[in-house]
């Protein structure tokens, strides 16, 4: 199990995004210790403009981890990246029209 600390604050949508990405890209279960920065002036000063910040057990920090490339590199360096999950995130969408779809008079119909 991967154990990480997450410096966060209430209502941080980027923190939620990071949590979801870590869970989706990790090659094993992830346990996140949430640290609320608003309860401590020193933490607000250190992390206020950088959250979300995740920290591994050795104290290595990653800010802006919600950026897929930064997070995947950080996880890969630690041997925690699920390469297949990353490939699924970065694969180009299938642009083929749905099977059975046809167009008539500029309108698209299924079946």
C-alpha atoms as a PDB file:
ATOM      1  CA  UNK A   1       0.000   0.000   0.000  1.00  0.00           C
ATOM      2  CA  UNK A   2       1.206   3.473  -0.916  1.00  0.00           C
ATOM      3  CA  UNK A   3       1.011   5.934   1.970  1.00  0.00           C
ATOM      4  CA  UNK A   4       0.990   9.620   1.093  1.00  0.00           C
ATOM      5  CA  UNK A   5       0.208  12.872   2.840  1.00  0.00           C
ATOM      6  CA  UNK A   6      -1.976  15.423   1.077  1.00  0.00           C
ATOM      7  CA  UNK A   7      -1.788  19.080   2.073  1.00  0.00           C
ATOM      8  CA  UNK A   8      -5.243  20.417   1.331  1.00  0.00           C
ATOM      9  CA  UNK A   9      -8.027  22.711   2.480  1.00  0.00           C
ATOM     10  CA  UNK A  10     -11.827  22.545   2.522  1.00  0.00           C
ATOM     11  CA  UNK A  11     -13.436  22.924  -0.886  1.00  0.00           C
ATOM     12  CA  UNK A  12     -10.228  22.489  -2.882  1.00  0.00           C
ATOM     13  CA  UNK A  13     -11.431  21.140  -6.234  1.00  0.00           C
ATOM     14  CA  UNK A  14      -7.853  20.610  -7.437  1.00  0.00           C
ATOM     15  CA  UNK A  15      -7.226  18.454  -4.371  1.00  0.00           C
ATOM     16  CA  UNK A  16     -10.222  16.287  -5.284  1.00  0.00           C
ATOM     17  CA  UNK A  17      -8.921  16.024  -8.839  1.00  0.00           C
ATOM     18  CA  UNK A  18      -5.498  14.967  -7.566  1.00  0.00           C
ATOM     19  CA  UNK A  19      -6.983  12.342  -5.254  1.00  0.00           C
ATOM     20  CA  UNK A  20      -8.914  10.806  -8.145  1.00  0.00           C
ATOM     21  CA  UNK A  21      -5.861  10.816 -10.427  1.00  0.00           C
ATOM     22  CA  UNK A  22      -3.612   9.202  -7.822  1.00  0.00           C
ATOM     23  CA  UNK A  23      -6.182   6.464  -7.203  1.00  0.00           C
ATOM     24  CA  UNK A  24      -6.597   5.842 -10.939  1.00  0.00           C
ATOM     25  CA  UNK A  25      -2.892   5.841 -11.843  1.00  0.00           C
ATOM     26  CA  UNK A  26      -1.356   3.999  -8.885  1.00  0.00           C
ATOM     27  CA  UNK A  27      -0.452   0.346  -9.335  1.00  0.00           C
ATOM     28  CA  UNK A  28      -1.586  -0.475  -5.790  1.00  0.00           C
ATOM     29  CA  UNK A  29      -3.967   0.804  -3.146  1.00  0.00           C
ATOM     30  CA  UNK A  30      -3.315   4.361  -1.931  1.00  0.00           C
ATOM     31  CA  UNK A  31      -3.864   5.666   1.581  1.00  0.00           C
ATOM     32  CA  UNK A  32      -3.942   9.463   1.847  1.00  0.00           C
ATOM     33  CA  UNK A  33      -3.375  11.283   5.126  1.00  0.00           C
ATOM     34  CA  UNK A  34      -5.193  14.612   4.693  1.00  0.00           C
ATOM     35  CA  UNK A  35      -3.532  17.586   6.341  1.00  0.00           C
ATOM     36  CA  UNK A  36      -5.757  20.661   6.608  1.00  0.00           C
ATOM     37  CA  UNK A  37      -3.530  23.688   6.121  1.00  0.00           C
ATOM     38  CA  UNK A  38      -6.054  26.313   7.285  1.00  0.00           C
ATOM     39  CA  UNK A  39      -5.629  25.139  10.887  1.00  0.00           C
ATOM     40  CA  UNK A  40      -1.978  26.238  11.020  1.00  0.00           C
ATOM     41  CA  UNK A  41      -0.562  29.618   9.956  1.00  0.00           C
ATOM     42  CA  UNK A  42       2.834  28.081   9.152  1.00  0.00           C
ATOM     43  CA  UNK A  43       1.203  25.542   6.819  1.00  0.00           C
ATOM     44  CA  UNK A  44      -0.841  28.265   5.130  1.00  0.00           C
ATOM     45  CA  UNK A  45       2.333  30.258   4.561  1.00  0.00           C
ATOM     46  CA  UNK A  46       4.198  27.228   3.185  1.00  0.00           C
ATOM     47  CA  UNK A  47       1.455  25.559   1.121  1.00  0.00           C
ATOM     48  CA  UNK A  48      -1.276  28.183   0.658  1.00  0.00           C
ATOM     49  CA  UNK A  49      -0.588  28.907  -3.015  1.00  0.00           C
ATOM     50  CA  UNK A  50       0.827  25.461  -3.805  1.00  0.00           C
ATOM     51  CA  UNK A  51      -1.967  23.083  -2.786  1.00  0.00           C
ATOM     52  CA  UNK A  52      -2.622  20.360  -3.519  1.00  0.00           C
ATOM     53  CA  UNK A  53       0.746  18.990  -2.440  1.00  0.00           C
ATOM     54  CA  UNK A  54       1.355  15.282  -1.956  1.00  0.00           C
ATOM     55  CA  UNK A  55       4.292  13.974   0.040  1.00  0.00           C
ATOM     56  CA  UNK A  56       5.736  10.465   0.104  1.00  0.00           C
ATOM     57  CA  UNK A  57       7.078   8.733   3.220  1.00  0.00           C
ATOM     58  CA  UNK A  58      10.571  10.107   2.537  1.00  0.00           C
ATOM     59  CA  UNK A  59       9.358  13.707   2.506  1.00  0.00           C
ATOM     60  CA  UNK A  60       9.508  14.209  -1.281  1.00  0.00           C
ATOM     61  CA  UNK A  61       6.840  16.731  -2.283  1.00  0.00           C
ATOM     62  CA  UNK A  62       4.902  17.147  -5.495  1.00  0.00           C
ATOM     63  CA  UNK A  63       2.879  20.286  -6.056  1.00  0.00           C
ATOM     64  CA  UNK A  64       0.593  20.748  -9.056  1.00  0.00           C
ATOM     65  CA  UNK A  65       0.159  16.961  -9.076  1.00  0.00           C
ATOM     66  CA  UNK A  66      -3.194  17.394 -10.786  1.00  0.00           C
ATOM     67  CA  UNK A  67      -1.155  17.858 -13.993  1.00  0.00           C
ATOM     68  CA  UNK A  68      -1.095  14.366 -15.516  1.00  0.00           C
ATOM     69  CA  UNK A  69       2.493  14.510 -16.782  1.00  0.00           C
ATOM     70  CA  UNK A  70       3.916  15.723 -13.465  1.00  0.00           C
ATOM     71  CA  UNK A  71       1.987  13.149 -11.429  1.00  0.00           C
ATOM     72  CA  UNK A  72       2.771  10.221 -13.719  1.00  0.00           C
ATOM     73  CA  UNK A  73       6.488  11.090 -13.686  1.00  0.00           C
ATOM     74  CA  UNK A  74       6.472  11.349  -9.869  1.00  0.00           C
ATOM     75  CA  UNK A  75       4.680   8.011  -9.497  1.00  0.00           C
ATOM     76  CA  UNK A  76       6.941   6.332 -12.094  1.00  0.00           C
ATOM     77  CA  UNK A  77      10.089   7.460 -10.237  1.00  0.00           C
ATOM     78  CA  UNK A  78       8.813   5.597  -7.172  1.00  0.00           C
ATOM     79  CA  UNK A  79       7.683   2.476  -9.045  1.00  0.00           C
ATOM     80  CA  UNK A  80       4.023   3.212  -8.313  1.00  0.00           C
ATOM     81  CA  UNK A  81       2.695   4.031 -11.792  1.00  0.00           C
ATOM     82  CA  UNK A  82       0.235   1.733 -13.535  1.00  0.00           C
ATOM     83  CA  UNK A  83       1.435   2.194 -17.126  1.00  0.00           C
ATOM     84  CA  UNK A  84      -1.747   0.665 -18.584  1.00  0.00           C
ATOM     85  CA  UNK A  85      -3.892   3.146 -16.660  1.00  0.00           C
ATOM     86  CA  UNK A  86      -1.736   6.022 -17.920  1.00  0.00           C
ATOM     87  CA  UNK A  87      -2.054   4.742 -21.485  1.00  0.00           C
ATOM     88  CA  UNK A  88      -5.833   4.694 -21.109  1.00  0.00           C
ATOM     89  CA  UNK A  89      -5.780   8.327 -19.920  1.00  0.00           C
ATOM     90  CA  UNK A  90      -3.614   9.485 -22.806  1.00  0.00           C
ATOM     91  CA  UNK A  91      -5.152   7.398 -25.618  1.00  0.00           C
ATOM     92  CA  UNK A  92      -6.829   9.345 -28.368  1.00  0.00           C
ATOM     93  CA  UNK A  93     -10.597   8.978 -28.357  1.00  0.00           C
ATOM     94  CA  UNK A  94     -12.187   6.725 -30.925  1.00  0.00           C
ATOM     95  CA  UNK A  95     -13.575   9.115 -33.541  1.00  0.00           C
ATOM     96  CA  UNK A  96     -15.315   6.457 -35.585  1.00  0.00           C
ATOM     97  CA  UNK A  97     -19.059   7.047 -35.826  1.00  0.00           C
ATOM     98  CA  UNK A  98     -21.208   4.692 -33.753  1.00  0.00           C
ATOM     99  CA  UNK A  99     -22.153   1.464 -35.500  1.00  0.00           C
ATOM    100  CA  UNK A 100     -25.497   1.732 -37.181  1.00  0.00           C
ATOM    101  CA  UNK A 101     -25.334   5.517 -37.352  1.00  0.00           C
ATOM    102  CA  UNK A 102     -26.289   7.292 -40.530  1.00  0.00           C
ATOM    103  CA  UNK A 103     -26.818  10.832 -41.658  1.00  0.00           C
ATOM    104  CA  UNK A 104     -29.746  12.235 -43.568  1.00  0.00           C
ATOM    105  CA  UNK A 105     -30.357  15.877 -44.438  1.00  0.00           C
ATOM    106  CA  UNK A 106     -27.500  16.911 -42.150  1.00  0.00           C
ATOM    107  CA  UNK A 107     -28.978  15.106 -39.131  1.00  0.00           C
ATOM    108  CA  UNK A 108     -27.384  12.110 -37.471  1.00  0.00           C
ATOM    109  CA  UNK A 109     -29.448   9.041 -36.590  1.00  0.00           C
ATOM    110  CA  UNK A 110     -28.571   5.902 -34.678  1.00  0.00           C
ATOM    111  CA  UNK A 111     -29.765   2.413 -35.561  1.00  0.00           C
END
